[in-house]
Amino acid sequence: EWIPPGLFFIALGAAALWLSRDYPVGDLQRMGPGYFPRMLSLGMICLGVLIARQGLPDLARVKGLRAGPHRSFWLIPLALVVFGLSVESLGVVASLALTLAVAGFAHREARIAEVAISIVTLIVLCVLIFVVALKLPLHLWPEFWK
């Protein structure tokens, strides 16, 4: 059950690394536009390797074929699609809440209270990092609330 998500992260990281290949990287003191995408891509690949490696002992014990990936494998990419489709119309706060709710229930034993606390914490952190600290001009709320 660990190998398909690990391979997904590896493929996603490799695709992002390939797509950002033409951007100048720069160095740590003067980061170019390709620095962050490249580091994020390499991080995704490393994370994918670690996740897939977790599944290798399980693979050795399995004698027959499994029924297929669990819902968690499909809910995480679905959460990314939900964010991409909703961020323009709903704003960052509502879109993150919706995205994190979908991703939060990928865990088999998800509890509503824990997911809600995670959603609030991650939204506050995102707003503090991206809007307050980095001063990015993000639309936090839907247009009809302004």
C-alpha atoms as a PDB file:
ATOM      1  CA  GLU A   1       0.000   0.000   0.000  1.00  0.00           C
ATOM      2  CA  TRP A   2       3.030   2.324   0.298  1.00  0.00           C
ATOM      3  CA  ILE A   3       4.590   1.764  -3.101  1.00  0.00           C
ATOM      4  CA  PRO A   4       1.995   3.436  -5.418  1.00  0.00           C
ATOM      5  CA  PRO A   5       1.968   6.726  -3.440  1.00  0.00           C
ATOM      6  CA  GLY A   6       5.773   6.686  -3.351  1.00  0.00           C
ATOM      7  CA  LEU A   7       5.955   6.203  -7.098  1.00  0.00           C
ATOM      8  CA  PHE A   8       3.423   9.015  -7.533  1.00  0.00           C
ATOM      9  CA  PHE A   9       5.653  11.417  -5.557  1.00  0.00           C
ATOM     10  CA  ILE A  10       8.711  10.319  -7.535  1.00  0.00           C
ATOM     11  CA  ALA A  11       6.891  10.859 -10.847  1.00  0.00           C
ATOM     12  CA  LEU A  12       5.522  14.235  -9.740  1.00  0.00           C
ATOM     13  CA  GLY A  13       8.964  15.385  -8.589  1.00  0.00           C
ATOM     14  CA  ALA A  14      10.615  14.157 -11.772  1.00  0.00           C
ATOM     15  CA  ALA A  15       8.011  15.923 -13.935  1.00  0.00           C
ATOM     16  CA  ALA A  16       8.454  19.195 -12.035  1.00  0.00           C
ATOM     17  CA  LEU A  17      12.241  18.844 -12.267  1.00  0.00           C
ATOM     18  CA  TRP A  18      11.980  18.334 -16.029  1.00  0.00           C
ATOM     19  CA  LEU A  19       9.560  21.254 -16.465  1.00  0.00           C
ATOM     20  CA  SER A  20      11.842  23.634 -14.555  1.00  0.00           C
ATOM     21  CA  ARG A  21      15.017  22.587 -16.364  1.00  0.00           C
ATOM     22  CA  ASP A  22      15.300  25.820 -18.379  1.00  0.00           C
ATOM     23  CA  TYR A  23      14.973  28.192 -15.433  1.00  0.00           C
ATOM     24  CA  PRO A  24      18.231  29.655 -14.099  1.00  0.00           C
ATOM     25  CA  VAL A  25      18.977  28.250 -10.658  1.00  0.00           C
ATOM     26  CA  GLY A  26      21.423  30.790  -9.253  1.00  0.00           C
ATOM     27  CA  ASP A  27      22.926  30.069  -5.843  1.00  0.00           C
ATOM     28  CA  LEU A  28      21.874  30.296  -2.218  1.00  0.00           C
ATOM     29  CA  GLN A  29      22.705  34.011  -1.969  1.00  0.00           C
ATOM     30  CA  ARG A  30      21.003  34.936  -5.273  1.00  0.00           C
ATOM     31  CA  MET A  31      18.297  32.448  -5.983  1.00  0.00           C
ATOM     32  CA  GLY A  32      17.085  32.359  -9.547  1.00  0.00           C
ATOM     33  CA  PRO A  33      13.526  31.532 -10.610  1.00  0.00           C
ATOM     34  CA  GLY A  34      14.452  27.852 -10.921  1.00  0.00           C
ATOM     35  CA  TYR A  35      15.963  27.444  -7.450  1.00  0.00           C
ATOM     36  CA  PHE A  36      12.770  26.810  -5.473  1.00  0.00           C
ATOM     37  CA  PRO A  37      11.108  24.524  -8.073  1.00  0.00           C
ATOM     38  CA  ARG A  38      14.293  22.476  -8.343  1.00  0.00           C
ATOM     39  CA  MET A  39      14.687  22.088  -4.563  1.00  0.00           C
ATOM     40  CA  LEU A  40      10.998  21.268  -4.168  1.00  0.00           C
ATOM     41  CA  SER A  41      11.233  18.689  -6.966  1.00  0.00           C
ATOM     42  CA  LEU A  42      14.241  17.021  -5.401  1.00  0.00           C
ATOM     43  CA  GLY A  43      12.445  16.993  -2.058  1.00  0.00           C
ATOM     44  CA  MET A  44       9.420  15.323  -3.653  1.00  0.00           C
ATOM     45  CA  ILE A  45      11.622  12.666  -5.237  1.00  0.00           C
ATOM     46  CA  CYS A  46      13.375  11.972  -1.916  1.00  0.00           C
ATOM     47  CA  LEU A  47      10.028  11.794  -0.120  1.00  0.00           C
ATOM     48  CA  GLY A  48       8.729   9.392  -2.761  1.00  0.00           C
ATOM     49  CA  VAL A  49      11.765   7.155  -2.350  1.00  0.00           C
ATOM     50  CA  LEU A  50      11.286   7.087   1.432  1.00  0.00           C
ATOM     51  CA  ILE A  51       7.576   6.308   1.118  1.00  0.00           C
ATOM     52  CA  ALA A  52       8.120   3.580  -1.492  1.00  0.00           C
ATOM     53  CA  ARG A  53      10.894   2.094   0.631  1.00  0.00           C
ATOM     54  CA  GLN A  54       8.393   1.672   3.471  1.00  0.00           C
ATOM     55  CA  GLY A  55       6.391  -0.666   1.253  1.00  0.00           C
ATOM     56  CA  LEU A  56       9.228  -2.991   0.286  1.00  0.00           C
ATOM     57  CA  PRO A  57       9.001  -5.255   3.380  1.00  0.00           C
ATOM     58  CA  ASP A  58       5.218  -5.541   2.815  1.00  0.00           C
ATOM     59  CA  LEU A  59       5.818  -6.457  -0.817  1.00  0.00           C
ATOM     60  CA  ALA A  60       8.084  -9.334   0.211  1.00  0.00           C
ATOM     61  CA  ARG A  61       5.347 -10.781   2.468  1.00  0.00           C
ATOM     62  CA  VAL A  62       2.517 -10.565  -0.054  1.00  0.00           C
ATOM     63  CA  LYS A  63       1.863 -13.830  -1.864  1.00  0.00           C
ATOM     64  CA  GLY A  64      -1.145 -12.819  -3.934  1.00  0.00           C
ATOM     65  CA  LEU A  65      -2.234  -9.609  -5.555  1.00  0.00           C
ATOM     66  CA  ARG A  66      -3.913  -6.983  -3.420  1.00  0.00           C
ATOM     67  CA  ALA A  67      -7.309  -5.596  -4.264  1.00  0.00           C
ATOM     68  CA  GLY A  68      -5.835  -2.220  -5.205  1.00  0.00           C
ATOM     69  CA  PRO A  69      -4.781   1.036  -3.651  1.00  0.00           C
ATOM     70  CA  HIS A  70      -6.780   2.394  -0.760  1.00  0.00           C
ATOM     71  CA  ARG A  71      -8.785   5.573  -0.905  1.00  0.00           C
ATOM     72  CA  SER A  72      -5.851   7.570   0.456  1.00  0.00           C
ATOM     73  CA  PHE A  73      -3.962   7.126  -2.787  1.00  0.00           C
ATOM     74  CA  TRP A  74      -6.741   8.773  -4.772  1.00  0.00           C
ATOM     75  CA  LEU A  75      -7.816  11.454  -2.304  1.00  0.00           C
ATOM     76  CA  ILE A  76      -4.451  13.244  -2.218  1.00  0.00           C
ATOM     77  CA  PRO A  77      -4.268  13.903  -5.991  1.00  0.00           C
ATOM     78  CA  LEU A  78      -7.988  14.761  -5.859  1.00  0.00           C
ATOM     79  CA  ALA A  79      -7.225  17.368  -3.172  1.00  0.00           C
ATOM     80  CA  LEU A  80      -4.636  18.964  -5.465  1.00  0.00           C
ATOM     81  CA  VAL A  81      -7.168  19.125  -8.298  1.00  0.00           C
ATOM     82  CA  VAL A  82      -9.762  20.641  -5.932  1.00  0.00           C
ATOM     83  CA  PHE A  83      -7.280  23.358  -4.951  1.00  0.00           C
ATOM     84  CA  GLY A  84      -6.387  24.123  -8.554  1.00  0.00           C
ATOM     85  CA  LEU A  85     -10.022  24.401  -9.597  1.00  0.00           C
ATOM     86  CA  SER A  86     -11.265  26.396  -6.607  1.00  0.00           C
ATOM     87  CA  VAL A  87      -8.511  28.874  -5.706  1.00  0.00           C
ATOM     88  CA  GLU A  88      -9.510  31.438  -8.362  1.00  0.00           C
ATOM     89  CA  SER A  89     -13.186  31.549  -7.454  1.00  0.00           C
ATOM     90  CA  LEU A  90     -13.145  30.831  -3.699  1.00  0.00           C
ATOM     91  CA  GLY A  91      -9.934  32.539  -2.636  1.00  0.00           C
ATOM     92  CA  VAL A  92      -7.016  30.999  -0.777  1.00  0.00           C
ATOM     93  CA  VAL A  93      -8.675  30.526   2.639  1.00  0.00           C
ATOM     94  CA  ALA A  94     -11.810  28.692   1.460  1.00  0.00           C
ATOM     95  CA  SER A  95      -9.873  26.762  -1.172  1.00  0.00           C
ATOM     96  CA  LEU A  96      -7.307  25.594   1.383  1.00  0.00           C
ATOM     97  CA  ALA A  97     -10.097  24.581   3.769  1.00  0.00           C
ATOM     98  CA  LEU A  98     -11.781  22.514   1.072  1.00  0.00           C
ATOM     99  CA  THR A  99      -8.493  21.008  -0.111  1.00  0.00           C
ATOM    100  CA  LEU A 100      -7.313  20.113   3.384  1.00  0.00           C
ATOM    101  CA  ALA A 101     -10.695  18.585   4.215  1.00  0.00           C
ATOM    102  CA  VAL A 102     -10.439  16.266   1.210  1.00  0.00           C
ATOM    103  CA  ALA A 103      -6.814  15.399   2.017  1.00  0.00           C
ATOM    104  CA  GLY A 104      -7.559  15.015   5.732  1.00  0.00           C
ATOM    105  CA  PHE A 105     -10.029  12.237   5.127  1.00  0.00           C
ATOM    106  CA  ALA A 106      -7.486  10.216   3.181  1.00  0.00           C
ATOM    107  CA  HIS A 107      -6.451   8.728   6.520  1.00  0.00           C
ATOM    108  CA  ARG A 108      -8.463   5.633   7.391  1.00  0.00           C
ATOM    109  CA  GLU A 109      -9.111   6.730  10.962  1.00  0.00           C
ATOM    110  CA  ALA A 110      -9.653  10.451  10.340  1.00  0.00           C
ATOM    111  CA  ARG A 111     -11.511  12.290  13.078  1.00  0.00           C
ATOM    112  CA  ILE A 112     -13.451  15.443  12.278  1.00  0.00           C
ATOM    113  CA  ALA A 113     -12.000  17.385  15.226  1.00  0.00           C
ATOM    114  CA  GLU A 114      -8.410  16.539  14.270  1.00  0.00           C
ATOM    115  CA  VAL A 115      -9.005  17.423  10.633  1.00  0.00           C
ATOM    116  CA  ALA A 116     -10.624  20.739  11.636  1.00  0.00           C
ATOM    117  CA  ILE A 117      -7.711  21.648  13.923  1.00  0.00           C
ATOM    118  CA  SER A 118      -5.266  20.785  11.138  1.00  0.00           C
ATOM    119  CA  ILE A 119      -7.202  22.903   8.644  1.00  0.00           C
ATOM    120  CA  VAL A 120      -7.246  25.969  10.890  1.00  0.00           C
ATOM    121  CA  THR A 121      -3.562  25.580  11.817  1.00  0.00           C
ATOM    122  CA  LEU A 122      -2.407  25.151   8.218  1.00  0.00           C
ATOM    123  CA  ILE A 123      -4.502  28.067   6.934  1.00  0.00           C
ATOM    124  CA  VAL A 124      -3.091  30.367   9.633  1.00  0.00           C
ATOM    125  CA  LEU A 125       0.458  29.231   8.817  1.00  0.00           C
ATOM    126  CA  CYS A 126      -0.079  29.729   5.071  1.00  0.00           C
ATOM    127  CA  VAL A 127      -1.466  33.230   5.560  1.00  0.00           C
ATOM    128  CA  LEU A 128       1.363  34.151   7.942  1.00  0.00           C
ATOM    129  CA  ILE A 129       4.058  32.810   5.633  1.00  0.00           C
ATOM    130  CA  PHE A 130       2.780  33.816   2.210  1.00  0.00           C
ATOM    131  CA  VAL A 131       0.787  36.985   2.896  1.00  0.00           C
ATOM    132  CA  VAL A 132       2.386  38.497   6.003  1.00  0.00           C
ATOM    133  CA  ALA A 133       6.036  37.413   5.727  1.00  0.00           C
ATOM    134  CA  LEU A 134       6.500  37.121   1.955  1.00  0.00           C
ATOM    135  CA  LYS A 135       3.896  39.808   1.118  1.00  0.00           C
ATOM    136  CA  LEU A 136       2.469  37.874  -1.825  1.00  0.00           C
ATOM    137  CA  PRO A 137      -0.651  39.474  -3.322  1.00  0.00           C
ATOM    138  CA  LEU A 138      -3.019  36.561  -2.824  1.00  0.00           C
ATOM    139  CA  HIS A 139      -6.810  36.794  -2.899  1.00  0.00           C
ATOM    140  CA  LEU A 140      -7.730  35.424   0.512  1.00  0.00           C
ATOM    141  CA  TRP A 141     -11.509  35.569   0.150  1.00  0.00           C
ATOM    142  CA  PRO A 142     -14.021  35.073  -2.648  1.00  0.00           C
ATOM    143  CA  GLU A 143     -14.707  38.139  -4.787  1.00  0.00           C
ATOM    144  CA  PHE A 144     -18.325  38.407  -3.606  1.00  0.00           C
ATOM    145  CA  TRP A 145     -17.139  39.008   0.001  1.00  0.00           C
ATOM    146  CA  LYS A 146     -15.354  42.239  -0.892  1.00  0.00           C
END
